[in-house]
Amino acid sequence: MKHYVGLLYRALNPVYARDPLSGRGAELYGGRFNPKGTPALYASLSPDAALREANQAGTLQPTTLVAYAADIAPVFDVREADAHLGFGMTRAVLGAATWLAFAGGLCAST
């Protein structure tokens, strides 16, 4: 696990713009790394990556883009070669284009 200091970007549905740190959207619908019912914040190192992650439906949806000055630890960094091992994931699952199939809970090993 790492420590990160710097800017992070989030692209979120404007419905949640009044409380952008709530994780409410991820709580309601689940996400790549959180099951439904668990709030989570998904952030990127670049605005482009945040927009791509938030708008996977194809066409650009209404989006609020925010930037945060962050100082956080521990950070799960998927770029670390072995970071996934303690979480029952594989690198194939982390990079799968069909990640929504795993969004109902913690990704299972394949």
PDB file of N, CA and C in Angstrom:
ATOM      1  N   MET A   1       0.841  -1.177   0.000  1.00  0.00           N
ATOM      2  CA  MET A   1       0.000   0.000   0.000  1.00  0.00           C
ATOM      3  C   MET A   1       0.889   1.244   0.000  1.00  0.00           C
ATOM      4  N   LYS A   2       0.363   2.298  -0.566  1.00  0.00           N
ATOM      5  CA  LYS A   2       1.133   3.523  -0.740  1.00  0.00           C
ATOM      6  C   LYS A   2       0.491   4.703  -0.021  1.00  0.00           C
ATOM      7  N   HIS A   3       1.230   5.783  -0.020  1.00  0.00           N
ATOM      8  CA  HIS A   3       0.760   7.087   0.460  1.00  0.00           C
ATOM      9  C   HIS A   3       0.747   8.009  -0.753  1.00  0.00           C
ATOM     10  N   TYR A   4      -0.324   8.776  -0.943  1.00  0.00           N
ATOM     11  CA  TYR A   4      -0.432   9.659  -2.097  1.00  0.00           C
ATOM     12  C   TYR A   4      -0.702  11.086  -1.642  1.00  0.00           C
ATOM     13  N   VAL A   5       0.066  12.015  -2.206  1.00  0.00           N
ATOM     14  CA  VAL A   5      -0.154  13.442  -2.002  1.00  0.00           C
ATOM     15  C   VAL A   5      -0.189  14.084  -3.386  1.00  0.00           C
ATOM     16  N   GLY A   6      -1.279  14.761  -3.711  1.00  0.00           N
ATOM     17  CA  GLY A   6      -1.404  15.411  -5.011  1.00  0.00           C
ATOM     18  C   GLY A   6      -2.863  15.583  -5.387  1.00  0.00           C
ATOM     19  N   LEU A   7      -3.096  15.970  -6.624  1.00  0.00           N
ATOM     20  CA  LEU A   7      -4.460  16.155  -7.104  1.00  0.00           C
ATOM     21  C   LEU A   7      -5.095  14.832  -7.502  1.00  0.00           C
ATOM     22  N   LEU A   8      -6.371  14.699  -7.200  1.00  0.00           N
ATOM     23  CA  LEU A   8      -7.200  13.596  -7.670  1.00  0.00           C
ATOM     24  C   LEU A   8      -8.442  14.194  -8.304  1.00  0.00           C
ATOM     25  N   TYR A   9      -8.975  13.507  -9.321  1.00  0.00           N
ATOM     26  CA  TYR A   9     -10.140  13.989 -10.051  1.00  0.00           C
ATOM     27  C   TYR A   9     -11.266  12.979  -9.941  1.00  0.00           C
ATOM     28  N   ARG A  10     -12.487  13.504  -9.820  1.00  0.00           N
ATOM     29  CA  ARG A  10     -13.682  12.669  -9.816  1.00  0.00           C
ATOM     30  C   ARG A  10     -14.677  13.256 -10.790  1.00  0.00           C
ATOM     31  N   ALA A  11     -15.312  12.394 -11.532  1.00  0.00           N
ATOM     32  CA  ALA A  11     -16.420  12.786 -12.404  1.00  0.00           C
ATOM     33  C   ALA A  11     -17.647  12.104 -11.836  1.00  0.00           C
ATOM     34  N   LEU A  12     -18.654  12.894 -11.494  1.00  0.00           N
ATOM     35  CA  LEU A  12     -19.822  12.313 -10.866  1.00  0.00           C
ATOM     36  C   LEU A  12     -21.105  12.858 -11.461  1.00  0.00           C
ATOM     37  N   ASN A  13     -22.155  12.123 -11.256  1.00  0.00           N
ATOM     38  CA  ASN A  13     -23.470  12.545 -11.684  1.00  0.00           C
ATOM     39  C   ASN A  13     -23.824  13.827 -10.937  1.00  0.00           C
ATOM     40  N   PRO A  14     -24.349  14.861 -11.626  1.00  0.00           N
ATOM     41  CA  PRO A  14     -24.691  16.115 -10.948  1.00  0.00           C
ATOM     42  C   PRO A  14     -25.670  15.954  -9.788  1.00  0.00           C
ATOM     43  N   VAL A  15     -26.413  14.856  -9.758  1.00  0.00           N
ATOM     44  CA  VAL A  15     -27.330  14.595  -8.646  1.00  0.00           C
ATOM     45  C   VAL A  15     -26.567  14.579  -7.317  1.00  0.00           C
ATOM     46  N   TYR A  16     -25.304  14.155  -7.348  1.00  0.00           N
ATOM     47  CA  TYR A  16     -24.507  14.016  -6.132  1.00  0.00           C
ATOM     48  C   TYR A  16     -23.540  15.189  -5.919  1.00  0.00           C
ATOM     49  N   ALA A  17     -23.649  16.235  -6.718  1.00  0.00           N
ATOM     50  CA  ALA A  17     -22.684  17.336  -6.675  1.00  0.00           C
ATOM     51  C   ALA A  17     -22.725  18.110  -5.358  1.00  0.00           C
ATOM     52  N   ARG A  18     -23.844  18.108  -4.670  1.00  0.00           N
ATOM     53  CA  ARG A  18     -23.925  18.830  -3.392  1.00  0.00           C
ATOM     54  C   ARG A  18     -23.120  18.155  -2.291  1.00  0.00           C
ATOM     55  N   ASP A  19     -22.871  16.875  -2.435  1.00  0.00           N
ATOM     56  CA  ASP A  19     -22.111  16.121  -1.442  1.00  0.00           C
ATOM     57  C   ASP A  19     -21.162  15.167  -2.168  1.00  0.00           C
ATOM     58  N   PRO A  20     -20.153  15.718  -2.855  1.00  0.00           N
ATOM     59  CA  PRO A  20     -19.323  14.901  -3.743  1.00  0.00           C
ATOM     60  C   PRO A  20     -18.427  13.879  -3.039  1.00  0.00           C
ATOM     61  N   LEU A  21     -18.323  13.946  -1.732  1.00  0.00           N
ATOM     62  CA  LEU A  21     -17.516  12.969  -0.997  1.00  0.00           C
ATOM     63  C   LEU A  21     -18.366  11.887  -0.334  1.00  0.00           C
ATOM     64  N   SER A  22     -19.655  11.829  -0.687  1.00  0.00           N
ATOM     65  CA  SER A  22     -20.555  10.878  -0.030  1.00  0.00           C
ATOM     66  C   SER A  22     -20.363   9.442  -0.504  1.00  0.00           C
ATOM     67  N   GLY A  23     -19.976   9.246  -1.757  1.00  0.00           N
ATOM     68  CA  GLY A  23     -19.903   7.898  -2.308  1.00  0.00           C
ATOM     69  C   GLY A  23     -21.272   7.284  -2.538  1.00  0.00           C
ATOM     70  N   ARG A  24     -22.296   8.111  -2.566  1.00  0.00           N
ATOM     71  CA  ARG A  24     -23.680   7.637  -2.631  1.00  0.00           C
ATOM     72  C   ARG A  24     -24.000   6.880  -3.923  1.00  0.00           C
ATOM     73  N   GLY A  25     -23.526   7.364  -5.054  1.00  0.00           N
ATOM     74  CA  GLY A  25     -23.800   6.668  -6.309  1.00  0.00           C
ATOM     75  C   GLY A  25     -23.245   5.254  -6.303  1.00  0.00           C
ATOM     76  N   ALA A  26     -22.011   5.104  -5.851  1.00  0.00           N
ATOM     77  CA  ALA A  26     -21.410   3.774  -5.759  1.00  0.00           C
ATOM     78  C   ALA A  26     -22.147   2.913  -4.739  1.00  0.00           C
ATOM     79  N   GLU A  27     -22.627   3.533  -3.676  1.00  0.00           N
ATOM     80  CA  GLU A  27     -23.387   2.800  -2.662  1.00  0.00           C
ATOM     81  C   GLU A  27     -24.688   2.242  -3.252  1.00  0.00           C
ATOM     82  N   LEU A  28     -25.363   3.046  -4.053  1.00  0.00           N
ATOM     83  CA  LEU A  28     -26.641   2.621  -4.630  1.00  0.00           C
ATOM     84  C   LEU A  28     -26.489   1.561  -5.715  1.00  0.00           C
ATOM     85  N   TYR A  29     -25.449   1.688  -6.533  1.00  0.00           N
ATOM     86  CA  TYR A  29     -25.345   0.852  -7.726  1.00  0.00           C
ATOM     87  C   TYR A  29     -24.188  -0.135  -7.714  1.00  0.00           C
ATOM     88  N   GLY A  30     -23.276  -0.015  -6.772  1.00  0.00           N
ATOM     89  CA  GLY A  30     -22.093  -0.860  -6.782  1.00  0.00           C
ATOM     90  C   GLY A  30     -21.108  -0.369  -7.833  1.00  0.00           C
ATOM     91  N   GLY A  31     -19.912  -0.863  -7.772  1.00  0.00           N
ATOM     92  CA  GLY A  31     -18.878  -0.437  -8.709  1.00  0.00           C
ATOM     93  C   GLY A  31     -17.846  -1.517  -8.893  1.00  0.00           C
ATOM     94  N   ARG A  32     -16.786  -1.178  -9.547  1.00  0.00           N
ATOM     95  CA  ARG A  32     -15.728  -2.145  -9.841  1.00  0.00           C
ATOM     96  C   ARG A  32     -15.166  -2.765  -8.563  1.00  0.00           C
ATOM     97  N   PHE A  33     -15.027  -1.977  -7.512  1.00  0.00           N
ATOM     98  CA  PHE A  33     -14.388  -2.461  -6.291  1.00  0.00           C
ATOM     99  C   PHE A  33     -15.285  -2.385  -5.056  1.00  0.00           C
ATOM    100  N   ASN A  34     -16.560  -2.099  -5.208  1.00  0.00           N
ATOM    101  CA  ASN A  34     -17.450  -2.084  -4.044  1.00  0.00           C
ATOM    102  C   ASN A  34     -18.799  -2.703  -4.402  1.00  0.00           C
ATOM    103  N   PRO A  35     -19.338  -3.494  -3.482  1.00  0.00           N
ATOM    104  CA  PRO A  35     -20.672  -4.048  -3.708  1.00  0.00           C
ATOM    105  C   PRO A  35     -21.743  -3.002  -3.411  1.00  0.00           C
ATOM    106  N   LYS A  36     -22.939  -3.218  -3.910  1.00  0.00           N
ATOM    107  CA  LYS A  36     -24.070  -2.350  -3.560  1.00  0.00           C
ATOM    108  C   LYS A  36     -24.180  -2.280  -2.047  1.00  0.00           C
ATOM    109  N   GLY A  37     -24.495  -1.093  -1.553  1.00  0.00           N
ATOM    110  CA  GLY A  37     -24.622  -0.895  -0.119  1.00  0.00           C
ATOM    111  C   GLY A  37     -23.370  -0.371   0.551  1.00  0.00           C
ATOM    112  N   THR A  38     -22.253  -0.357  -0.175  1.00  0.00           N
ATOM    113  CA  THR A  38     -20.990   0.143   0.366  1.00  0.00           C
ATOM    114  C   THR A  38     -20.597   1.409  -0.373  1.00  0.00           C
ATOM    115  N   PRO A  39     -20.565   2.554   0.321  1.00  0.00           N
ATOM    116  CA  PRO A  39     -20.152   3.781  -0.364  1.00  0.00           C
ATOM    117  C   PRO A  39     -18.674   3.705  -0.750  1.00  0.00           C
ATOM    118  N   ALA A  40     -18.333   4.316  -1.861  1.00  0.00           N
ATOM    119  CA  ALA A  40     -16.947   4.326  -2.322  1.00  0.00           C
ATOM    120  C   ALA A  40     -16.708   5.572  -3.155  1.00  0.00           C
ATOM    121  N   LEU A  41     -15.489   6.046  -3.135  1.00  0.00           N
ATOM    122  CA  LEU A  41     -15.084   7.162  -3.980  1.00  0.00           C
ATOM    123  C   LEU A  41     -14.106   6.633  -5.017  1.00  0.00           C
ATOM    124  N   TYR A  42     -14.398   6.886  -6.265  1.00  0.00           N
ATOM    125  CA  TYR A  42     -13.517   6.504  -7.357  1.00  0.00           C
ATOM    126  C   TYR A  42     -12.849   7.771  -7.859  1.00  0.00           C
ATOM    127  N   ALA A  43     -11.532   7.774  -7.890  1.00  0.00           N
ATOM    128  CA  ALA A  43     -10.792   8.964  -8.294  1.00  0.00           C
ATOM    129  C   ALA A  43      -9.707   8.569  -9.288  1.00  0.00           C
ATOM    130  N   SER A  44      -9.259   9.562 -10.050  1.00  0.00           N
ATOM    131  CA  SER A  44      -8.246   9.338 -11.080  1.00  0.00           C
ATOM    132  C   SER A  44      -7.139  10.378 -10.950  1.00  0.00           C
ATOM    133  N   LEU A  45      -6.027  10.069 -11.582  1.00  0.00           N
ATOM    134  CA  LEU A  45      -4.906  11.006 -11.599  1.00  0.00           C
ATOM    135  C   LEU A  45      -5.054  12.062 -12.687  1.00  0.00           C
ATOM    136  N   SER A  46      -6.012  11.857 -13.607  1.00  0.00           N
ATOM    137  CA  SER A  46      -6.220  12.836 -14.671  1.00  0.00           C
ATOM    138  C   SER A  46      -7.705  13.070 -14.898  1.00  0.00           C
ATOM    139  N   PRO A  47      -8.079  14.261 -15.349  1.00  0.00           N
ATOM    140  CA  PRO A  47      -9.486  14.524 -15.662  1.00  0.00           C
ATOM    141  C   PRO A  47     -10.024  13.589 -16.742  1.00  0.00           C
ATOM    142  N   ASP A  48      -9.201  13.296 -17.749  1.00  0.00           N
ATOM    143  CA  ASP A  48      -9.634  12.404 -18.835  1.00  0.00           C
ATOM    144  C   ASP A  48     -10.020  11.023 -18.315  1.00  0.00           C
ATOM    145  N   ALA A  49      -9.192  10.468 -17.449  1.00  0.00           N
ATOM    146  CA  ALA A  49      -9.482   9.138 -16.914  1.00  0.00           C
ATOM    147  C   ALA A  49     -10.744   9.162 -16.059  1.00  0.00           C
ATOM    148  N   ALA A  50     -10.952  10.221 -15.288  1.00  0.00           N
ATOM    149  CA  ALA A  50     -12.161  10.334 -14.470  1.00  0.00           C
ATOM    150  C   ALA A  50     -13.402  10.374 -15.355  1.00  0.00           C
ATOM    151  N   LEU A  51     -13.352  11.138 -16.428  1.00  0.00           N
ATOM    152  CA  LEU A  51     -14.495  11.227 -17.343  1.00  0.00           C
ATOM    153  C   LEU A  51     -14.775   9.897 -18.032  1.00  0.00           C
ATOM    154  N   ARG A  52     -13.720   9.203 -18.459  1.00  0.00           N
ATOM    155  CA  ARG A  52     -13.908   7.900 -19.112  1.00  0.00           C
ATOM    156  C   ARG A  52     -14.517   6.885 -18.149  1.00  0.00           C
ATOM    157  N   GLU A  53     -14.044   6.867 -16.911  1.00  0.00           N
ATOM    158  CA  GLU A  53     -14.557   5.911 -15.926  1.00  0.00           C
ATOM    159  C   GLU A  53     -16.030   6.184 -15.612  1.00  0.00           C
ATOM    160  N   ALA A  54     -16.400   7.438 -15.496  1.00  0.00           N
ATOM    161  CA  ALA A  54     -17.768   7.791 -15.119  1.00  0.00           C
ATOM    162  C   ALA A  54     -18.756   7.672 -16.272  1.00  0.00           C
ATOM    163  N   ASN A  55     -18.279   7.668 -17.491  1.00  0.00           N
ATOM    164  CA  ASN A  55     -19.175   7.658 -18.661  1.00  0.00           C
ATOM    165  C   ASN A  55     -18.924   6.437 -19.533  1.00  0.00           C
ATOM    166  N   GLN A  56     -19.020   5.268 -18.934  1.00  0.00           N
ATOM    167  CA  GLN A  56     -18.770   4.038 -19.672  1.00  0.00           C
ATOM    168  C   GLN A  56     -19.948   3.596 -20.516  1.00  0.00           C
ATOM    169  N   ALA A  57     -21.066   4.284 -20.410  1.00  0.00           N
ATOM    170  CA  ALA A  57     -22.258   3.910 -21.173  1.00  0.00           C
ATOM    171  C   ALA A  57     -22.099   4.198 -22.662  1.00  0.00           C
ATOM    172  N   GLY A  58     -21.081   4.922 -23.034  1.00  0.00           N
ATOM    173  CA  GLY A  58     -20.847   5.216 -24.452  1.00  0.00           C
ATOM    174  C   GLY A  58     -20.852   6.694 -24.726  1.00  0.00           C
ATOM    175  N   THR A  59     -22.005   7.323 -24.658  1.00  0.00           N
ATOM    176  CA  THR A  59     -22.080   8.752 -24.913  1.00  0.00           C
ATOM    177  C   THR A  59     -21.861   9.518 -23.616  1.00  0.00           C
ATOM    178  N   LEU A  60     -21.356  10.722 -23.742  1.00  0.00           N
ATOM    179  CA  LEU A  60     -21.086  11.548 -22.572  1.00  0.00           C
ATOM    180  C   LEU A  60     -22.396  11.947 -21.897  1.00  0.00           C
ATOM    181  N   GLN A  61     -22.536  11.591 -20.642  1.00  0.00           N
ATOM    182  CA  GLN A  61     -23.708  11.927 -19.835  1.00  0.00           C
ATOM    183  C   GLN A  61     -23.422  13.221 -19.068  1.00  0.00           C
ATOM    184  N   PRO A  62     -24.459  13.898 -18.548  1.00  0.00           N
ATOM    185  CA  PRO A  62     -24.200  15.062 -17.697  1.00  0.00           C
ATOM    186  C   PRO A  62     -23.251  14.670 -16.568  1.00  0.00           C
ATOM    187  N   THR A  63     -22.218  15.447 -16.384  1.00  0.00           N
ATOM    188  CA  THR A  63     -21.149  15.083 -15.454  1.00  0.00           C
ATOM    189  C   THR A  63     -20.622  16.317 -14.746  1.00  0.00           C
ATOM    190  N   THR A  64     -20.373  16.186 -13.450  1.00  0.00           N
ATOM    191  CA  THR A  64     -19.688  17.212 -12.684  1.00  0.00           C
ATOM    192  C   THR A  64     -18.268  16.718 -12.445  1.00  0.00           C
ATOM    193  N   LEU A  65     -17.281  17.489 -12.853  1.00  0.00           N
ATOM    194  CA  LEU A  65     -15.879  17.129 -12.674  1.00  0.00           C
ATOM    195  C   LEU A  65     -15.322  17.944 -11.524  1.00  0.00           C
ATOM    196  N   VAL A  66     -14.733  17.266 -10.538  1.00  0.00           N
ATOM    197  CA  VAL A  66     -14.156  17.940  -9.381  1.00  0.00           C
ATOM    198  C   VAL A  66     -12.714  17.503  -9.203  1.00  0.00           C
ATOM    199  N   ALA A  67     -11.925  18.371  -8.578  1.00  0.00           N
ATOM    200  CA  ALA A  67     -10.533  18.061  -8.261  1.00  0.00           C
ATOM    201  C   ALA A  67     -10.333  18.243  -6.764  1.00  0.00           C
ATOM    202  N   TYR A  68      -9.540  17.365  -6.179  1.00  0.00           N
ATOM    203  CA  TYR A  68      -9.258  17.410  -4.750  1.00  0.00           C
ATOM    204  C   TYR A  68      -7.754  17.447  -4.527  1.00  0.00           C
ATOM    205  N   ALA A  69      -7.325  18.252  -3.571  1.00  0.00           N
ATOM    206  CA  ALA A  69      -5.955  18.182  -3.078  1.00  0.00           C
ATOM    207  C   ALA A  69      -5.966  17.062  -2.043  1.00  0.00           C
ATOM    208  N   ALA A  70      -5.316  15.962  -2.344  1.00  0.00           N
ATOM    209  CA  ALA A  70      -5.408  14.762  -1.518  1.00  0.00           C
ATOM    210  C   ALA A  70      -4.112  14.482  -0.780  1.00  0.00           C
ATOM    211  N   ASP A  71      -4.258  13.943   0.409  1.00  0.00           N
ATOM    212  CA  ASP A  71      -3.156  13.431   1.216  1.00  0.00           C
ATOM    213  C   ASP A  71      -3.727  12.207   1.919  1.00  0.00           C
ATOM    214  N   ILE A  72      -3.591  11.043   1.287  1.00  0.00           N
ATOM    215  CA  ILE A  72      -4.282   9.843   1.763  1.00  0.00           C
ATOM    216  C   ILE A  72      -3.354   8.631   1.847  1.00  0.00           C
ATOM    217  N   ALA A  73      -3.658   7.783   2.807  1.00  0.00           N
ATOM    218  CA  ALA A  73      -2.971   6.504   2.972  1.00  0.00           C
ATOM    219  C   ALA A  73      -3.867   5.615   3.821  1.00  0.00           C
ATOM    220  N   PRO A  74      -3.887   4.340   3.643  1.00  0.00           N
ATOM    221  CA  PRO A  74      -3.214   3.628   2.562  1.00  0.00           C
ATOM    222  C   PRO A  74      -3.997   3.746   1.260  1.00  0.00           C
ATOM    223  N   VAL A  75      -3.303   3.593   0.150  1.00  0.00           N
ATOM    224  CA  VAL A  75      -3.899   3.656  -1.176  1.00  0.00           C
ATOM    225  C   VAL A  75      -3.687   2.314  -1.865  1.00  0.00           C
ATOM    226  N   PHE A  76      -4.771   1.751  -2.375  1.00  0.00           N
ATOM    227  CA  PHE A  76      -4.681   0.535  -3.184  1.00  0.00           C
ATOM    228  C   PHE A  76      -4.367   0.975  -4.601  1.00  0.00           C
ATOM    229  N   ASP A  77      -3.165   0.738  -5.038  1.00  0.00           N
ATOM    230  CA  ASP A  77      -2.694   1.163  -6.358  1.00  0.00           C
ATOM    231  C   ASP A  77      -2.646  -0.047  -7.279  1.00  0.00           C
ATOM    232  N   VAL A  78      -3.569  -0.111  -8.234  1.00  0.00           N
ATOM    233  CA  VAL A  78      -3.646  -1.283  -9.112  1.00  0.00           C
ATOM    234  C   VAL A  78      -2.436  -1.414 -10.021  1.00  0.00           C
ATOM    235  N   ARG A  79      -1.602  -0.380 -10.065  1.00  0.00           N
ATOM    236  CA  ARG A  79      -0.382  -0.472 -10.876  1.00  0.00           C
ATOM    237  C   ARG A  79       0.706  -1.273 -10.181  1.00  0.00           C
ATOM    238  N   GLU A  80       0.576  -1.531  -8.878  1.00  0.00           N
ATOM    239  CA  GLU A  80       1.547  -2.357  -8.154  1.00  0.00           C
ATOM    240  C   GLU A  80       1.326  -3.814  -8.547  1.00  0.00           C
ATOM    241  N   ALA A  81       2.380  -4.482  -8.931  1.00  0.00           N
ATOM    242  CA  ALA A  81       2.274  -5.831  -9.495  1.00  0.00           C
ATOM    243  C   ALA A  81       1.507  -6.808  -8.614  1.00  0.00           C
ATOM    244  N   ASP A  82       1.668  -6.768  -7.299  1.00  0.00           N
ATOM    245  CA  ASP A  82       1.045  -7.759  -6.426  1.00  0.00           C
ATOM    246  C   ASP A  82      -0.053  -7.184  -5.531  1.00  0.00           C
ATOM    247  N   ALA A  83      -0.488  -5.956  -5.779  1.00  0.00           N
ATOM    248  CA  ALA A  83      -1.460  -5.303  -4.897  1.00  0.00           C
ATOM    249  C   ALA A  83      -2.769  -6.070  -4.798  1.00  0.00           C
ATOM    250  N   HIS A  84      -3.169  -6.745  -5.844  1.00  0.00           N
ATOM    251  CA  HIS A  84      -4.456  -7.430  -5.896  1.00  0.00           C
ATOM    252  C   HIS A  84      -4.492  -8.753  -5.135  1.00  0.00           C
ATOM    253  N   LEU A  85      -3.343  -9.309  -4.831  1.00  0.00           N
ATOM    254  CA  LEU A  85      -3.299 -10.669  -4.306  1.00  0.00           C
ATOM    255  C   LEU A  85      -4.045 -10.852  -2.985  1.00  0.00           C
ATOM    256  N   GLY A  86      -3.995  -9.882  -2.102  1.00  0.00           N
ATOM    257  CA  GLY A  86      -4.651 -10.023  -0.812  1.00  0.00           C
ATOM    258  C   GLY A  86      -6.145  -9.765  -0.852  1.00  0.00           C
ATOM    259  N   PHE A  87      -6.694  -9.503  -2.040  1.00  0.00           N
ATOM    260  CA  PHE A  87      -8.109  -9.158  -2.149  1.00  0.00           C
ATOM    261  C   PHE A  87      -8.898 -10.147  -2.999  1.00  0.00           C
ATOM    262  N   GLY A  88      -8.327 -11.296  -3.302  1.00  0.00           N
ATOM    263  CA  GLY A  88      -9.040 -12.304  -4.068  1.00  0.00           C
ATOM    264  C   GLY A  88      -9.284 -11.913  -5.514  1.00  0.00           C
ATOM    265  N   MET A  89      -8.431 -11.060  -6.073  1.00  0.00           N
ATOM    266  CA  MET A  89      -8.587 -10.615  -7.457  1.00  0.00           C
ATOM    267  C   MET A  89      -7.406 -11.094  -8.290  1.00  0.00           C
ATOM    268  N   THR A  90      -7.616 -11.090  -9.578  1.00  0.00           N
ATOM    269  CA  THR A  90      -6.530 -11.360 -10.500  1.00  0.00           C
ATOM    270  C   THR A  90      -6.320 -10.129 -11.359  1.00  0.00           C
ATOM    271  N   ARG A  91      -5.167 -10.040 -11.995  1.00  0.00           N
ATOM    272  CA  ARG A  91      -4.909  -8.912 -12.894  1.00  0.00           C
ATOM    273  C   ARG A  91      -5.888  -8.944 -14.071  1.00  0.00           C
ATOM    274  N   ALA A  92      -6.306 -10.126 -14.484  1.00  0.00           N
ATOM    275  CA  ALA A  92      -7.263 -10.229 -15.582  1.00  0.00           C
ATOM    276  C   ALA A  92      -8.602  -9.607 -15.196  1.00  0.00           C
ATOM    277  N   VAL A  93      -9.054  -9.844 -13.969  1.00  0.00           N
ATOM    278  CA  VAL A  93     -10.317  -9.261 -13.514  1.00  0.00           C
ATOM    279  C   VAL A  93     -10.187  -7.742 -13.424  1.00  0.00           C
ATOM    280  N   LEU A  94      -9.066  -7.254 -12.896  1.00  0.00           N
ATOM    281  CA  LEU A  94      -8.874  -5.812 -12.763  1.00  0.00           C
ATOM    282  C   LEU A  94      -8.939  -5.106 -14.109  1.00  0.00           C
ATOM    283  N   GLY A  95      -8.464  -5.746 -15.149  1.00  0.00           N
ATOM    284  CA  GLY A  95      -8.433  -5.125 -16.464  1.00  0.00           C
ATOM    285  C   GLY A  95      -9.543  -5.552 -17.395  1.00  0.00           C
ATOM    286  N   ALA A  96     -10.474  -6.353 -16.903  1.00  0.00           N
ATOM    287  CA  ALA A  96     -11.519  -6.901 -17.769  1.00  0.00           C
ATOM    288  C   ALA A  96     -12.451  -5.811 -18.285  1.00  0.00           C
ATOM    289  N   ALA A  97     -12.721  -5.844 -19.570  1.00  0.00           N
ATOM    290  CA  ALA A  97     -13.679  -4.909 -20.159  1.00  0.00           C
ATOM    291  C   ALA A  97     -15.081  -5.190 -19.640  1.00  0.00           C
ATOM    292  N   THR A  98     -15.315  -6.399 -19.161  1.00  0.00           N
ATOM    293  CA  THR A  98     -16.633  -6.791 -18.656  1.00  0.00           C
ATOM    294  C   THR A  98     -16.684  -6.711 -17.132  1.00  0.00           C
ATOM    295  N   TRP A  99     -16.001  -5.742 -16.539  1.00  0.00           N
ATOM    296  CA  TRP A  99     -15.928  -5.652 -15.084  1.00  0.00           C
ATOM    297  C   TRP A  99     -17.291  -5.525 -14.430  1.00  0.00           C
ATOM    298  N   LEU A 100     -18.309  -5.038 -15.144  1.00  0.00           N
ATOM    299  CA  LEU A 100     -19.630  -4.909 -14.541  1.00  0.00           C
ATOM    300  C   LEU A 100     -20.178  -6.262 -14.079  1.00  0.00           C
ATOM    301  N   ALA A 101     -19.727  -7.346 -14.695  1.00  0.00           N
ATOM    302  CA  ALA A 101     -20.166  -8.668 -14.276  1.00  0.00           C
ATOM    303  C   ALA A 101     -19.707  -8.974 -12.854  1.00  0.00           C
ATOM    304  N   PHE A 102     -18.668  -8.281 -12.394  1.00  0.00           N
ATOM    305  CA  PHE A 102     -18.127  -8.521 -11.063  1.00  0.00           C
ATOM    306  C   PHE A 102     -18.612  -7.497 -10.044  1.00  0.00           C
ATOM    307  N   ALA A 103     -19.431  -6.529 -10.461  1.00  0.00           N
ATOM    308  CA  ALA A 103     -19.770  -5.377  -9.626  1.00  0.00           C
ATOM    309  C   ALA A 103     -20.696  -5.715  -8.466  1.00  0.00           C
ATOM    310  N   GLY A 104     -21.271  -6.882  -8.448  1.00  0.00           N
ATOM    311  CA  GLY A 104     -22.168  -7.234  -7.350  1.00  0.00           C
ATOM    312  C   GLY A 104     -21.450  -7.507  -6.054  1.00  0.00           C
ATOM    313  N   GLY A 105     -20.163  -7.646  -6.070  1.00  0.00           N
ATOM    314  CA  GLY A 105     -19.407  -7.927  -4.856  1.00  0.00           C
ATOM    315  C   GLY A 105     -17.943  -7.922  -5.161  1.00  0.00           C
ATOM    316  N   LEU A 106     -17.160  -8.382  -4.221  1.00  0.00           N
ATOM    317  CA  LEU A 106     -15.714  -8.440  -4.392  1.00  0.00           C
ATOM    318  C   LEU A 106     -15.400  -9.378  -5.549  1.00  0.00           C
ATOM    319  N   CYS A 107     -14.523  -8.963  -6.410  1.00  0.00           N
ATOM    320  CA  CYS A 107     -14.182  -9.764  -7.583  1.00  0.00           C
ATOM    321  C   CYS A 107     -13.584 -11.099  -7.153  1.00  0.00           C
ATOM    322  N   ALA A 108     -14.032 -12.151  -7.764  1.00  0.00           N
ATOM    323  CA  ALA A 108     -13.535 -13.488  -7.446  1.00  0.00           C
ATOM    324  C   ALA A 108     -12.314 -13.817  -8.280  1.00  0.00           C
ATOM    325  N   SER A 109     -11.459 -14.637  -7.728  1.00  0.00           N
ATOM    326  CA  SER A 109     -10.286 -15.098  -8.474  1.00  0.00           C
ATOM    327  C   SER A 109     -10.727 -15.944  -9.640  1.00  0.00           C
ATOM    328  N   THR A 110      -9.984 -15.861 -10.745  1.00  0.00           N
ATOM    329  CA  THR A 110     -10.275 -16.717 -11.887  1.00  0.00           C
ATOM    330  C   THR A 110      -9.090 -17.594 -12.188  1.00  0.00           C
TER     331      THR A 110
END
